[in-house]
Amino acid sequence: MGRRSDIKPLPSVERLSELLAYDPETGILVWKEQPATSRKNIGFNNKCAGKVAGTVGESGYLVVGIDKKYYLAHRVIWKMMTGGDPADIVDHEDTDRLNNRWKNLREAANGPNIQNSRLRVDNSSGVKGVHWDAHHKKWRAVLTTNGVSVRLGRFASLEEATNVIAAARMRDHAEFARMA
């Protein structure tokens, strides 16, 4: 995957490791104590040492302030664990924006990340891609992959539409398939 130009680069792995400790089992970042000789004059306060790093931002993701800039915690974690900036998006497999356990994070392009999104709040069927077609009085299944929508048909029952879209999602979305 190529690097997206709209994402700011993260601090070096060395800088991140100097400031933060990460527990892959819990997904928690903790501030490390900074020796007085190594502290840069950037406002780091050792009162933070040992405390959980980050705050929930407007987007619902955990953000961490480092050297007067804010970064998404899951991107910081990715770099700490892999040694490099993620090329595109770091996806939360379970869609929980605050679950930063290592086993829950994976690199993804925008399309697969959208495929792993939660059910929209205005969805009345309870199934992604299935809606009631009032004109035909049937359930309609539509699968969207990489911005292209494919009509899978109209069905007399919600169960039938659900089965058809589930099979299509597993085929086309693979590990990013999410039904609800």
Protein backbone atom coordinates (compact mmCIF):
# COMPACT_ATOMS: atom_id res chain seq x y z
CA MET A 1 0.00 0.00 0.00
CA GLY A 2 1.27 3.49 -0.79
CA ARG A 3 1.42 6.21 1.84
CA ARG A 4 -1.57 8.56 1.93
CA SER A 5 -0.58 12.21 1.63
CA ASP A 6 -3.31 13.45 4.02
CA ILE A 7 -1.93 11.64 7.07
CA LYS A 8 0.83 13.32 9.08
CA PRO A 9 3.87 11.19 9.83
CA LEU A 10 4.29 9.94 13.37
CA PRO A 11 7.28 10.63 15.63
CA SER A 12 10.15 8.16 15.43
CA VAL A 13 9.86 4.75 17.08
CA GLU A 14 12.65 5.82 19.40
CA ARG A 15 10.72 8.92 20.51
CA LEU A 16 7.52 6.95 21.01
CA SER A 17 9.35 4.27 23.02
CA GLU A 18 11.06 6.96 25.10
CA LEU A 19 7.70 8.43 26.10
CA LEU A 20 5.25 5.53 26.13
CA ALA A 21 4.84 1.91 27.18
CA TYR A 22 2.23 -0.23 25.41
CA ASP A 23 0.58 -3.42 26.65
CA PRO A 24 -0.64 -5.41 23.61
CA GLU A 25 -2.95 -7.55 25.78
CA THR A 26 -4.89 -4.63 27.25
CA GLY A 27 -4.34 -2.10 24.45
CA ILE A 28 -3.32 0.56 26.96
CA LEU A 29 -0.61 3.18 26.45
CA VAL A 30 1.07 4.47 29.62
CA TRP A 31 3.39 7.45 30.04
CA LYS A 32 6.94 6.57 31.07
CA GLU A 33 8.94 8.56 33.59
CA GLN A 34 11.41 10.92 31.92
CA PRO A 35 14.84 11.42 33.49
CA ALA A 36 15.53 15.14 34.02
CA THR A 37 18.59 14.93 31.76
CA SER A 38 16.66 13.55 28.80
CA ARG A 39 13.55 15.73 29.07
CA LYS A 40 13.13 18.08 26.20
CA ASN A 41 11.57 21.40 27.12
CA ILE A 42 8.19 20.49 25.64
CA GLY A 43 6.02 20.55 28.70
CA PHE A 44 6.34 16.89 29.69
CA ASN A 45 5.44 16.57 33.31
CA ASN A 46 6.57 13.55 35.30
CA LYS A 47 3.28 13.77 37.19
CA CYS A 48 1.93 11.89 34.13
CA ALA A 49 4.40 9.00 34.52
CA GLY A 50 2.58 5.72 35.10
CA LYS A 51 -0.78 7.14 33.99
CA VAL A 52 -2.81 6.06 30.99
CA ALA A 53 -1.97 8.19 27.96
CA GLY A 54 -4.53 9.82 25.73
CA THR A 55 -7.99 11.26 25.71
CA VAL A 56 -11.06 10.50 23.64
CA GLY A 57 -11.20 12.95 20.75
CA GLU A 58 -14.21 14.32 18.86
CA SER A 59 -14.00 11.37 16.45
CA GLY A 60 -14.45 8.87 19.29
CA TYR A 61 -10.88 7.59 18.92
CA LEU A 62 -8.18 7.86 21.58
CA VAL A 63 -5.70 10.64 20.77
CA VAL A 64 -2.27 11.18 22.32
CA GLY A 65 -0.43 14.52 22.50
CA ILE A 66 3.26 14.17 21.70
CA ASP A 67 5.61 17.12 21.21
CA LYS A 68 2.71 19.57 20.91
CA LYS A 69 0.93 17.55 18.20
CA TYR A 70 -1.95 15.11 18.48
CA TYR A 71 -1.93 11.60 17.01
CA LEU A 72 -4.47 8.79 16.90
CA ALA A 73 -3.38 6.28 19.55
CA HIS A 74 -3.99 3.25 17.31
CA ARG A 75 -1.58 4.71 14.71
CA VAL A 76 1.02 5.34 17.45
CA ILE A 77 0.59 1.75 18.62
CA TRP A 78 0.96 0.44 15.06
CA LYS A 79 4.29 2.22 14.71
CA MET A 80 5.51 1.08 18.13
CA MET A 81 4.67 -2.54 17.27
CA THR A 82 5.82 -2.67 13.63
CA GLY A 83 8.52 -0.02 13.46
CA GLY A 84 6.83 1.88 10.63
CA ASP A 85 3.96 4.26 9.94
CA PRO A 86 0.84 2.52 8.67
CA ALA A 87 0.49 3.11 4.91
CA ASP A 88 -3.21 3.87 5.11
CA ILE A 89 -5.79 3.12 7.82
CA VAL A 90 -5.49 1.12 11.02
CA ASP A 91 -8.81 -0.70 11.33
CA HIS A 92 -10.37 -1.81 14.61
CA GLU A 93 -11.60 -5.29 13.71
CA ASP A 94 -14.43 -5.22 16.27
CA THR A 95 -15.33 -1.58 15.30
CA ASP A 96 -14.78 -0.43 18.90
CA ARG A 97 -12.74 2.76 18.44
CA LEU A 98 -11.28 2.49 21.93
CA ASN A 99 -10.24 -1.18 21.77
CA ASN A 100 -6.54 -0.81 20.96
CA ARG A 101 -5.53 -4.37 21.79
CA TRP A 102 -2.92 -5.48 19.26
CA LYS A 103 -5.02 -8.47 18.12
CA ASN A 104 -7.86 -6.04 17.28
CA LEU A 105 -5.79 -3.74 15.03
CA ARG A 106 -5.04 -4.36 11.36
CA GLU A 107 -3.87 -2.28 8.45
CA ALA A 108 -6.52 -1.62 5.80
CA ALA A 109 -7.23 0.44 2.73
CA ASN A 110 -10.26 2.75 2.88
CA GLY A 111 -12.59 0.33 1.01
CA PRO A 112 -12.11 -2.64 3.35
CA ASN A 113 -12.26 -0.30 6.34
CA ILE A 114 -15.70 0.90 5.20
CA GLN A 115 -16.79 -2.72 4.66
CA ASN A 116 -16.01 -3.33 8.32
CA SER A 117 -18.17 -0.40 9.44
CA ARG A 118 -21.11 -0.80 11.79
CA LEU A 119 -24.75 -0.86 10.78
CA ARG A 120 -26.10 2.62 10.06
CA VAL A 121 -28.49 3.97 12.67
CA ASP A 122 -31.17 4.59 10.02
CA ASN A 123 -31.12 0.95 8.86
CA SER A 124 -34.53 -0.64 9.51
CA SER A 125 -33.79 -4.23 8.43
CA GLY A 126 -30.98 -4.88 10.90
CA VAL A 127 -28.78 -6.12 8.03
CA LYS A 128 -26.21 -4.04 6.15
CA GLY A 129 -27.16 -3.69 2.49
CA VAL A 130 -30.75 -4.88 2.91
CA HIS A 131 -33.69 -2.51 2.81
CA TRP A 132 -37.44 -2.63 2.20
CA ASP A 133 -38.43 -1.71 -1.36
CA ALA A 134 -41.89 -0.26 -0.75
CA HIS A 135 -42.68 0.05 -4.46
CA HIS A 136 -42.15 -3.68 -5.11
CA LYS A 137 -43.09 -4.76 -1.57
CA LYS A 138 -39.97 -6.89 -1.26
CA TRP A 139 -36.62 -6.83 0.52
CA ARG A 140 -33.79 -5.58 -1.67
CA ALA A 141 -30.15 -6.61 -1.23
CA VAL A 142 -27.36 -4.34 -2.51
CA LEU A 143 -23.65 -5.00 -1.96
CA THR A 144 -21.14 -2.16 -2.25
CA THR A 145 -17.47 -2.95 -2.79
CA ASN A 146 -14.87 -0.24 -3.45
CA GLY A 147 -17.58 2.30 -4.20
CA VAL A 148 -19.40 0.08 -6.73
CA SER A 149 -22.91 -1.07 -5.82
CA VAL A 150 -24.23 -4.36 -7.16
CA ARG A 151 -27.94 -5.15 -6.89
CA LEU A 152 -28.30 -8.73 -5.73
CA GLY A 153 -32.07 -8.86 -6.18
CA ARG A 154 -35.41 -8.48 -4.46
CA PHE A 155 -36.67 -11.12 -2.08
CA ALA A 156 -40.00 -12.04 -0.50
CA SER A 157 -38.45 -12.58 2.94
CA LEU A 158 -35.85 -10.76 5.01
CA GLU A 159 -34.21 -14.12 5.73
CA GLU A 160 -33.70 -14.82 2.03
CA ALA A 161 -32.22 -11.35 1.40
CA THR A 162 -29.97 -11.77 4.45
CA ASN A 163 -28.66 -15.14 3.23
CA VAL A 164 -27.89 -13.78 -0.25
CA ILE A 165 -26.04 -10.71 1.02
CA ALA A 166 -24.15 -12.75 3.63
CA ALA A 167 -22.80 -15.08 0.95
CA ALA A 168 -21.84 -12.12 -1.26
CA ARG A 169 -20.10 -10.34 1.65
CA MET A 170 -18.08 -13.42 2.56
CA ARG A 171 -17.06 -13.83 -1.09
CA ASP A 172 -16.20 -10.17 -1.80
CA HIS A 173 -15.26 -8.69 1.59
CA ALA A 174 -13.52 -11.73 3.11
CA GLU A 175 -11.97 -10.87 6.50
CA PHE A 176 -13.61 -7.41 6.48
CA ALA A 177 -17.14 -8.79 6.05
CA ARG A 178 -19.59 -7.44 8.62
CA MET A 179 -23.33 -8.07 8.54
CA ALA A 180 -24.52 -5.73 11.30
